[in-house]
PDB file of all heavy atoms in Angstrom:
ATOM      1  N   ALA A   1      72.958 133.668  52.402  1.00  0.00           N
ATOM      2  CA  ALA A   1      72.203 134.207  51.275  1.00  0.00           C
ATOM      3  C   ALA A   1      70.826 134.619  51.774  1.00  0.00           C
ATOM      4  O   ALA A   1      70.481 134.424  52.955  1.00  0.00           O
ATOM      5  CB  ALA A   1      72.077 133.179  50.156  1.00  0.00           C
ATOM      6  N   GLU A   2      70.035 135.185  50.874  1.00  0.00           N
ATOM      7  CA  GLU A   2      68.640 135.515  51.196  1.00  0.00           C
ATOM      8  C   GLU A   2      67.780 134.291  50.880  1.00  0.00           C
ATOM      9  O   GLU A   2      67.592 133.939  49.722  1.00  0.00           O
ATOM     10  CB  GLU A   2      68.187 136.721  50.365  1.00  0.00           C
ATOM     11  CG  GLU A   2      68.868 138.028  50.726  1.00  0.00           C
ATOM     12  CD  GLU A   2      68.464 138.520  52.119  1.00  0.00           C
ATOM     13  OE1 GLU A   2      67.318 138.232  52.529  1.00  0.00           O
ATOM     14  OE2 GLU A   2      69.298 139.159  52.781  1.00  0.00           O
ATOM     15  N   TYR A   3      67.278 133.632  51.900  1.00  0.00           N
ATOM     16  CA  TYR A   3      66.499 132.407  51.729  1.00  0.00           C
ATOM     17  C   TYR A   3      65.012 132.676  51.974  1.00  0.00           C
ATOM     18  O   TYR A   3      64.632 133.508  52.797  1.00  0.00           O
ATOM     19  CB  TYR A   3      66.981 131.322  52.687  1.00  0.00           C
ATOM     20  CG  TYR A   3      68.355 130.782  52.363  1.00  0.00           C
ATOM     21  CD1 TYR A   3      69.478 131.260  53.024  1.00  0.00           C
ATOM     22  CD2 TYR A   3      68.527 129.798  51.395  1.00  0.00           C
ATOM     23  CE1 TYR A   3      70.744 130.776  52.729  1.00  0.00           C
ATOM     24  CE2 TYR A   3      69.789 129.301  51.094  1.00  0.00           C
ATOM     25  CZ  TYR A   3      70.888 129.795  51.765  1.00  0.00           C
ATOM     26  OH  TYR A   3      72.142 129.312  51.466  1.00  0.00           O
ATOM     27  N   GLU A   4      64.182 131.928  51.242  1.00  0.00           N
ATOM     28  CA  GLU A   4      62.738 131.991  51.434  1.00  0.00           C
ATOM     29  C   GLU A   4      62.333 131.059  52.574  1.00  0.00           C
ATOM     30  O   GLU A   4      63.092 130.181  52.999  1.00  0.00           O
ATOM     31  CB  GLU A   4      62.014 131.573  50.149  1.00  0.00           C
ATOM     32  CG  GLU A   4      62.310 132.443  48.931  1.00  0.00           C
ATOM     33  CD  GLU A   4      61.652 133.803  49.029  1.00  0.00           C
ATOM     34  OE1 GLU A   4      60.641 133.917  49.762  1.00  0.00           O
ATOM     35  OE2 GLU A   4      62.148 134.745  48.384  1.00  0.00           O
ATOM     36  N   SER A   5      61.114 131.231  53.037  1.00  0.00           N
ATOM     37  CA  SER A   5      60.513 130.316  54.017  1.00  0.00           C
ATOM     38  C   SER A   5      59.237 129.760  53.409  1.00  0.00           C
ATOM     39  O   SER A   5      58.568 130.439  52.630  1.00  0.00           O
ATOM     40  CB  SER A   5      60.191 131.049  55.331  1.00  0.00           C
ATOM     41  OG  SER A   5      61.371 131.519  55.935  1.00  0.00           O
ATOM     42  N   SER A   6      58.900 128.504  53.723  1.00  0.00           N
ATOM     43  CA  SER A   6      57.716 127.893  53.124  1.00  0.00           C
ATOM     44  C   SER A   6      57.215 126.738  53.976  1.00  0.00           C
ATOM     45  O   SER A   6      57.975 126.113  54.718  1.00  0.00           O
ATOM     46  CB  SER A   6      58.027 127.390  51.717  1.00  0.00           C
ATOM     47  OG  SER A   6      56.918 126.736  51.144  1.00  0.00           O
ATOM     48  N   GLY A   7      55.935 126.468  53.843  1.00  0.00           N
ATOM     49  CA  GLY A   7      55.335 125.297  54.472  1.00  0.00           C
ATOM     50  C   GLY A   7      54.575 124.486  53.448  1.00  0.00           C
ATOM     51  O   GLY A   7      53.779 123.606  53.809  1.00  0.00           O
ATOM     52  N   ALA A   8      54.820 124.746  52.158  1.00  0.00           N
ATOM     53  CA  ALA A   8      54.078 124.085  51.083  1.00  0.00           C
ATOM     54  C   ALA A   8      54.723 122.766  50.708  1.00  0.00           C
ATOM     55  O   ALA A   8      55.960 122.602  50.769  1.00  0.00           O
ATOM     56  CB  ALA A   8      54.012 124.991  49.860  1.00  0.00           C
ATOM     57  N   ALA A   9      53.890 121.816  50.314  1.00  0.00           N
ATOM     58  CA  ALA A   9      54.403 120.525  49.846  1.00  0.00           C
ATOM     59  C   ALA A   9      55.319 120.743  48.649  1.00  0.00           C
ATOM     60  O   ALA A   9      55.007 121.514  47.735  1.00  0.00           O
ATOM     61  CB  ALA A   9      53.243 119.615  49.465  1.00  0.00           C
ATOM     62  N   GLY A  10      56.463 120.056  48.650  1.00  0.00           N
ATOM     63  CA  GLY A  10      57.427 120.183  47.572  1.00  0.00           C
ATOM     64  C   GLY A  10      58.592 121.079  47.900  1.00  0.00           C
ATOM     65  O   GLY A  10      59.626 121.034  47.218  1.00  0.00           O
ATOM     66  N   ALA A  11      58.466 121.901  48.937  1.00  0.00           N
ATOM     67  CA  ALA A  11      59.575 122.779  49.316  1.00  0.00           C
ATOM     68  C   ALA A  11      60.750 121.948  49.838  1.00  0.00           C
ATOM     69  O   ALA A  11      60.571 120.939  50.523  1.00  0.00           O
ATOM     70  CB  ALA A  11      59.127 123.775  50.379  1.00  0.00           C
ATOM     71  N   VAL A  12      61.965 122.378  49.492  1.00  0.00           N
ATOM     72  CA  VAL A  12      63.191 121.691  49.923  1.00  0.00           C
ATOM     73  C   VAL A  12      64.002 122.684  50.750  1.00  0.00           C
ATOM     74  O   VAL A  12      64.310 123.792  50.279  1.00  0.00           O
ATOM     75  CB  VAL A  12      64.013 121.200  48.716  1.00  0.00           C
ATOM     76  CG1 VAL A  12      65.245 120.429  49.195  1.00  0.00           C
ATOM     77  CG2 VAL A  12      63.166 120.332  47.797  1.00  0.00           C
ATOM     78  N   PHE A  13      64.349 122.313  51.970  1.00  0.00           N
ATOM     79  CA  PHE A  13      65.117 123.214  52.821  1.00  0.00           C
ATOM     80  C   PHE A  13      66.155 122.434  53.616  1.00  0.00           C
ATOM     81  O   PHE A  13      66.175 121.190  53.586  1.00  0.00           O
ATOM     82  CB  PHE A  13      64.192 124.014  53.756  1.00  0.00           C
ATOM     83  CG  PHE A  13      63.434 123.194  54.755  1.00  0.00           C
ATOM     84  CD1 PHE A  13      63.935 122.976  56.035  1.00  0.00           C
ATOM     85  CD2 PHE A  13      62.191 122.647  54.434  1.00  0.00           C
ATOM     86  CE1 PHE A  13      63.221 122.224  56.970  1.00  0.00           C
ATOM     87  CE2 PHE A  13      61.471 121.900  55.365  1.00  0.00           C
ATOM     88  CZ  PHE A  13      61.994 121.693  56.629  1.00  0.00           C
ATOM     89  N   SER A  14      67.031 123.158  54.281  1.00  0.00           N
ATOM     90  CA  SER A  14      68.083 122.532  55.073  1.00  0.00           C
ATOM     91  C   SER A  14      67.566 122.256  56.479  1.00  0.00           C
ATOM     92  O   SER A  14      67.082 123.168  57.163  1.00  0.00           O
ATOM     93  CB  SER A  14      69.312 123.435  55.140  1.00  0.00           C
ATOM     94  OG  SER A  14      70.268 122.922  56.052  1.00  0.00           O
ATOM     95  N   ARG A  15      67.671 120.992  56.898  1.00  0.00           N
ATOM     96  CA  ARG A  15      67.174 120.627  58.226  1.00  0.00           C
ATOM     97  C   ARG A  15      67.915 121.386  59.311  1.00  0.00           C
ATOM     98  O   ARG A  15      67.318 121.803  60.320  1.00  0.00           O
ATOM     99  CB  ARG A  15      67.338 119.125  58.443  1.00  0.00           C
ATOM    100  CG  ARG A  15      66.863 118.664  59.820  1.00  0.00           C
ATOM    101  CD  ARG A  15      67.222 117.214  60.077  1.00  0.00           C
ATOM    102  NE  ARG A  15      66.781 116.789  61.399  1.00  0.00           N
ATOM    103  CZ  ARG A  15      67.093 115.623  61.952  1.00  0.00           C
ATOM    104  NH1 ARG A  15      67.866 114.771  61.295  1.00  0.00           N
ATOM    105  NH2 ARG A  15      66.653 115.317  63.164  1.00  0.00           N
ATOM    106  N   TRP A  16      69.216 121.580  59.135  1.00  0.00           N
ATOM    107  CA  TRP A  16      70.051 122.198  60.156  1.00  0.00           C
ATOM    108  C   TRP A  16      70.449 123.624  59.791  1.00  0.00           C
ATOM    109  O   TRP A  16      71.405 124.163  60.363  1.00  0.00           O
ATOM    110  CB  TRP A  16      71.310 121.358  60.389  1.00  0.00           C
ATOM    111  CG  TRP A  16      71.007 119.976  60.881  1.00  0.00           C
ATOM    112  CD1 TRP A  16      70.881 118.849  60.141  1.00  0.00           C
ATOM    113  CD2 TRP A  16      70.763 119.588  62.229  1.00  0.00           C
ATOM    114  NE1 TRP A  16      70.585 117.760  60.916  1.00  0.00           N
ATOM    115  CE2 TRP A  16      70.508 118.187  62.225  1.00  0.00           C
ATOM    116  CE3 TRP A  16      70.738 120.265  63.453  1.00  0.00           C
ATOM    117  CZ2 TRP A  16      70.235 117.474  63.394  1.00  0.00           C
ATOM    118  CZ3 TRP A  16      70.461 119.549  64.616  1.00  0.00           C
ATOM    119  CH2 TRP A  16      70.205 118.169  64.576  1.00  0.00           C
ATOM    120  N   GLY A  17      69.740 124.212  58.862  1.00  0.00           N
ATOM    121  CA  GLY A  17      70.049 125.583  58.492  1.00  0.00           C
ATOM    122  C   GLY A  17      71.448 125.689  57.898  1.00  0.00           C
ATOM    123  O   GLY A  17      71.849 124.873  57.066  1.00  0.00           O
ATOM    124  N   LEU A  18      72.195 126.669  58.342  1.00  0.00           N
ATOM    125  CA  LEU A  18      73.551 126.897  57.815  1.00  0.00           C
ATOM    126  C   LEU A  18      74.626 126.310  58.727  1.00  0.00           C
ATOM    127  O   LEU A  18      75.809 126.633  58.567  1.00  0.00           O
ATOM    128  CB  LEU A  18      73.787 128.407  57.637  1.00  0.00           C
ATOM    129  CG  LEU A  18      72.747 129.155  56.788  1.00  0.00           C
ATOM    130  CD1 LEU A  18      73.156 130.616  56.631  1.00  0.00           C
ATOM    131  CD2 LEU A  18      72.577 128.505  55.430  1.00  0.00           C
ATOM    132  N   TRP A  19      74.238 125.458  59.660  1.00  0.00           N
ATOM    133  CA  TRP A  19      75.227 124.871  60.567  1.00  0.00           C
ATOM    134  C   TRP A  19      76.238 124.054  59.768  1.00  0.00           C
ATOM    135  O   TRP A  19      75.874 123.084  59.097  1.00  0.00           O
ATOM    136  CB  TRP A  19      74.509 123.999  61.596  1.00  0.00           C
ATOM    137  CG  TRP A  19      75.410 123.488  62.694  1.00  0.00           C
ATOM    138  CD1 TRP A  19      76.495 124.111  63.206  1.00  0.00           C
ATOM    139  CD2 TRP A  19      75.281 122.249  63.395  1.00  0.00           C
ATOM    140  NE1 TRP A  19      77.070 123.360  64.194  1.00  0.00           N
ATOM    141  CE2 TRP A  19      76.343 122.201  64.341  1.00  0.00           C
ATOM    142  CE3 TRP A  19      74.390 121.188  63.342  1.00  0.00           C
ATOM    143  CZ2 TRP A  19      76.527 121.132  65.195  1.00  0.00           C
ATOM    144  CZ3 TRP A  19      74.568 120.131  64.215  1.00  0.00           C
ATOM    145  CH2 TRP A  19      75.627 120.097  65.126  1.00  0.00           C
ATOM    146  N   PRO A  20      77.518 124.394  59.818  1.00  0.00           N
ATOM    147  CA  PRO A  20      78.523 123.753  58.952  1.00  0.00           C
ATOM    148  C   PRO A  20      78.626 122.241  59.127  1.00  0.00           C
ATOM    149  O   PRO A  20      78.955 121.535  58.183  1.00  0.00           O
ATOM    150  CB  PRO A  20      79.834 124.443  59.368  1.00  0.00           C
ATOM    151  CG  PRO A  20      79.413 125.746  59.962  1.00  0.00           C
ATOM    152  CD  PRO A  20      78.108 125.482  60.628  1.00  0.00           C
ATOM    153  N   ALA A  21      78.336 121.736  60.326  1.00  0.00           N
ATOM    154  CA  ALA A  21      78.534 120.305  60.585  1.00  0.00           C
ATOM    155  C   ALA A  21      77.503 119.434  59.879  1.00  0.00           C
ATOM    156  O   ALA A  21      77.765 118.260  59.605  1.00  0.00           O
ATOM    157  CB  ALA A  21      78.504 120.028  62.085  1.00  0.00           C
ATOM    158  N   ARG A  22      76.285 119.995  59.525  1.00  0.00           N
ATOM    159  CA  ARG A  22      75.239 119.147  58.957  1.00  0.00           C
ATOM    160  C   ARG A  22      74.389 119.857  57.894  1.00  0.00           C
ATOM    161  O   ARG A  22      73.278 119.419  57.605  1.00  0.00           O
ATOM    162  CB  ARG A  22      74.310 118.649  60.071  1.00  0.00           C
ATOM    163  CG  ARG A  22      75.012 117.810  61.132  1.00  0.00           C
ATOM    164  CD  ARG A  22      74.038 117.296  62.171  1.00  0.00           C
ATOM    165  NE  ARG A  22      74.730 116.608  63.261  1.00  0.00           N
ATOM    166  CZ  ARG A  22      74.130 116.127  64.338  1.00  0.00           C
ATOM    167  NH1 ARG A  22      72.811 116.262  64.479  1.00  0.00           N
ATOM    168  NH2 ARG A  22      74.822 115.515  65.286  1.00  0.00           N
ATOM    169  N   SER A  23      74.899 120.898  57.317  1.00  0.00           N
ATOM    170  CA  SER A  23      74.076 121.686  56.383  1.00  0.00           C
ATOM    171  C   SER A  23      73.698 120.923  55.121  1.00  0.00           C
ATOM    172  O   SER A  23      72.769 121.311  54.410  1.00  0.00           O
ATOM    173  CB  SER A  23      74.821 122.962  55.988  1.00  0.00           C
ATOM    174  OG  SER A  23      75.945 122.654  55.171  1.00  0.00           O
ATOM    175  N   ALA A  24      74.420 119.835  54.802  1.00  0.00           N
ATOM    176  CA  ALA A  24      74.107 119.079  53.579  1.00  0.00           C
ATOM    177  C   ALA A  24      72.853 118.230  53.732  1.00  0.00           C
ATOM    178  O   ALA A  24      72.311 117.753  52.726  1.00  0.00           O
ATOM    179  CB  ALA A  24      75.289 118.195  53.189  1.00  0.00           C
ATOM    180  N   GLN A  25      72.373 118.015  54.962  1.00  0.00           N
ATOM    181  CA  GLN A  25      71.126 117.263  55.146  1.00  0.00           C
ATOM    182  C   GLN A  25      69.952 118.115  54.648  1.00  0.00           C
ATOM    183  O   GLN A  25      69.865 119.298  54.950  1.00  0.00           O
ATOM    184  CB  GLN A  25      70.930 116.895  56.607  1.00  0.00           C
ATOM    185  CG  GLN A  25      71.925 115.867  57.118  1.00  0.00           C
ATOM    186  CD  GLN A  25      71.582 115.412  58.529  1.00  0.00           C
ATOM    187  OE1 GLN A  25      70.408 115.337  58.902  1.00  0.00           O
ATOM    188  NE2 GLN A  25      72.614 115.101  59.314  1.00  0.00           N
ATOM    189  N   PHE A  26      69.059 117.495  53.882  1.00  0.00           N
ATOM    190  CA  PHE A  26      67.941 118.240  53.298  1.00  0.00           C
ATOM    191  C   PHE A  26      66.614 117.677  53.777  1.00  0.00           C
ATOM    192  O   PHE A  26      66.520 116.539  54.241  1.00  0.00           O
ATOM    193  CB  PHE A  26      68.005 118.182  51.775  1.00  0.00           C
ATOM    194  CG  PHE A  26      67.934 116.789  51.207  1.00  0.00           C
ATOM    195  CD1 PHE A  26      66.719 116.158  50.983  1.00  0.00           C
ATOM    196  CD2 PHE A  26      69.112 116.093  50.886  1.00  0.00           C
ATOM    197  CE1 PHE A  26      66.654 114.874  50.473  1.00  0.00           C
ATOM    198  CE2 PHE A  26      69.053 114.804  50.368  1.00  0.00           C
ATOM    199  CZ  PHE A  26      67.828 114.189  50.165  1.00  0.00           C
ATOM    200  N   VAL A  27      65.588 118.507  53.652  1.00  0.00           N
ATOM    201  CA  VAL A  27      64.223 118.123  54.008  1.00  0.00           C
ATOM    202  C   VAL A  27      63.323 118.392  52.812  1.00  0.00           C
ATOM    203  O   VAL A  27      63.446 119.437  52.162  1.00  0.00           O
ATOM    204  CB  VAL A  27      63.719 118.925  55.225  1.00  0.00           C
ATOM    205  CG1 VAL A  27      62.243 118.622  55.480  1.00  0.00           C
ATOM    206  CG2 VAL A  27      64.544 118.625  56.458  1.00  0.00           C
ATOM    207  N   ILE A  28      62.432 117.455  52.501  1.00  0.00           N
ATOM    208  CA  ILE A  28      61.422 117.650  51.463  1.00  0.00           C
ATOM    209  C   ILE A  28      60.051 117.562  52.130  1.00  0.00           C
ATOM    210  O   ILE A  28      59.718 116.535  52.741  1.00  0.00           O
ATOM    211  CB  ILE A  28      61.523 116.602  50.348  1.00  0.00           C
ATOM    212  CG1 ILE A  28      62.892 116.668  49.665  1.00  0.00           C
ATOM    213  CG2 ILE A  28      60.408 116.810  49.313  1.00  0.00           C
ATOM    214  CD1 ILE A  28      63.093 115.620  48.592  1.00  0.00           C
ATOM    215  N   ILE A  29      59.287 118.652  52.047  1.00  0.00           N
ATOM    216  CA  ILE A  29      57.937 118.648  52.607  1.00  0.00           C
ATOM    217  C   ILE A  29      57.028 117.880  51.656  1.00  0.00           C
ATOM    218  O   ILE A  29      56.970 118.165  50.463  1.00  0.00           O
ATOM    219  CB  ILE A  29      57.417 120.089  52.791  1.00  0.00           C
ATOM    220  CG1 ILE A  29      58.340 120.881  53.723  1.00  0.00           C
ATOM    221  CG2 ILE A  29      55.996 120.086  53.344  1.00  0.00           C
ATOM    222  CD1 ILE A  29      57.946 122.345  53.889  1.00  0.00           C
ATOM    223  N   THR A  30      56.331 116.863  52.184  1.00  0.00           N
ATOM    224  CA  THR A  30      55.484 116.023  51.328  1.00  0.00           C
ATOM    225  C   THR A  30      54.000 116.358  51.445  1.00  0.00           C
ATOM    226  O   THR A  30      53.215 115.988  50.567  1.00  0.00           O
ATOM    227  CB  THR A  30      55.690 114.541  51.685  1.00  0.00           C
ATOM    228  OG1 THR A  30      55.527 114.375  53.093  1.00  0.00           O
ATOM    229  CG2 THR A  30      57.084 114.089  51.282  1.00  0.00           C
ATOM    230  N   ARG A  31      53.599 117.053  52.523  1.00  0.00           N
ATOM    231  CA  ARG A  31      52.204 117.470  52.679  1.00  0.00           C
ATOM    232  C   ARG A  31      52.180 118.907  53.214  1.00  0.00           C
ATOM    233  O   ARG A  31      52.970 119.255  54.091  1.00  0.00           O
ATOM    234  CB  ARG A  31      51.449 116.545  53.648  1.00  0.00           C
ATOM    235  CG  ARG A  31      51.374 115.093  53.180  1.00  0.00           C
ATOM    236  CD  ARG A  31      50.614 114.224  54.184  1.00  0.00           C
ATOM    237  NE  ARG A  31      50.705 112.820  53.823  1.00  0.00           N
ATOM    238  CZ  ARG A  31      49.877 112.206  52.974  1.00  0.00           C
ATOM    239  NH1 ARG A  31      48.896 112.893  52.399  1.00  0.00           N
ATOM    240  NH2 ARG A  31      50.021 110.920  52.713  1.00  0.00           N
TER     241      ARG A  31
END
């Protein structure tokens, strides 16, 4: 899909991008 990029606190993104083996892992930026 068309995904945004961000470095702001509160953004949620995939740690491993679209890699099928681990795409369900998420990252929450806290600062």
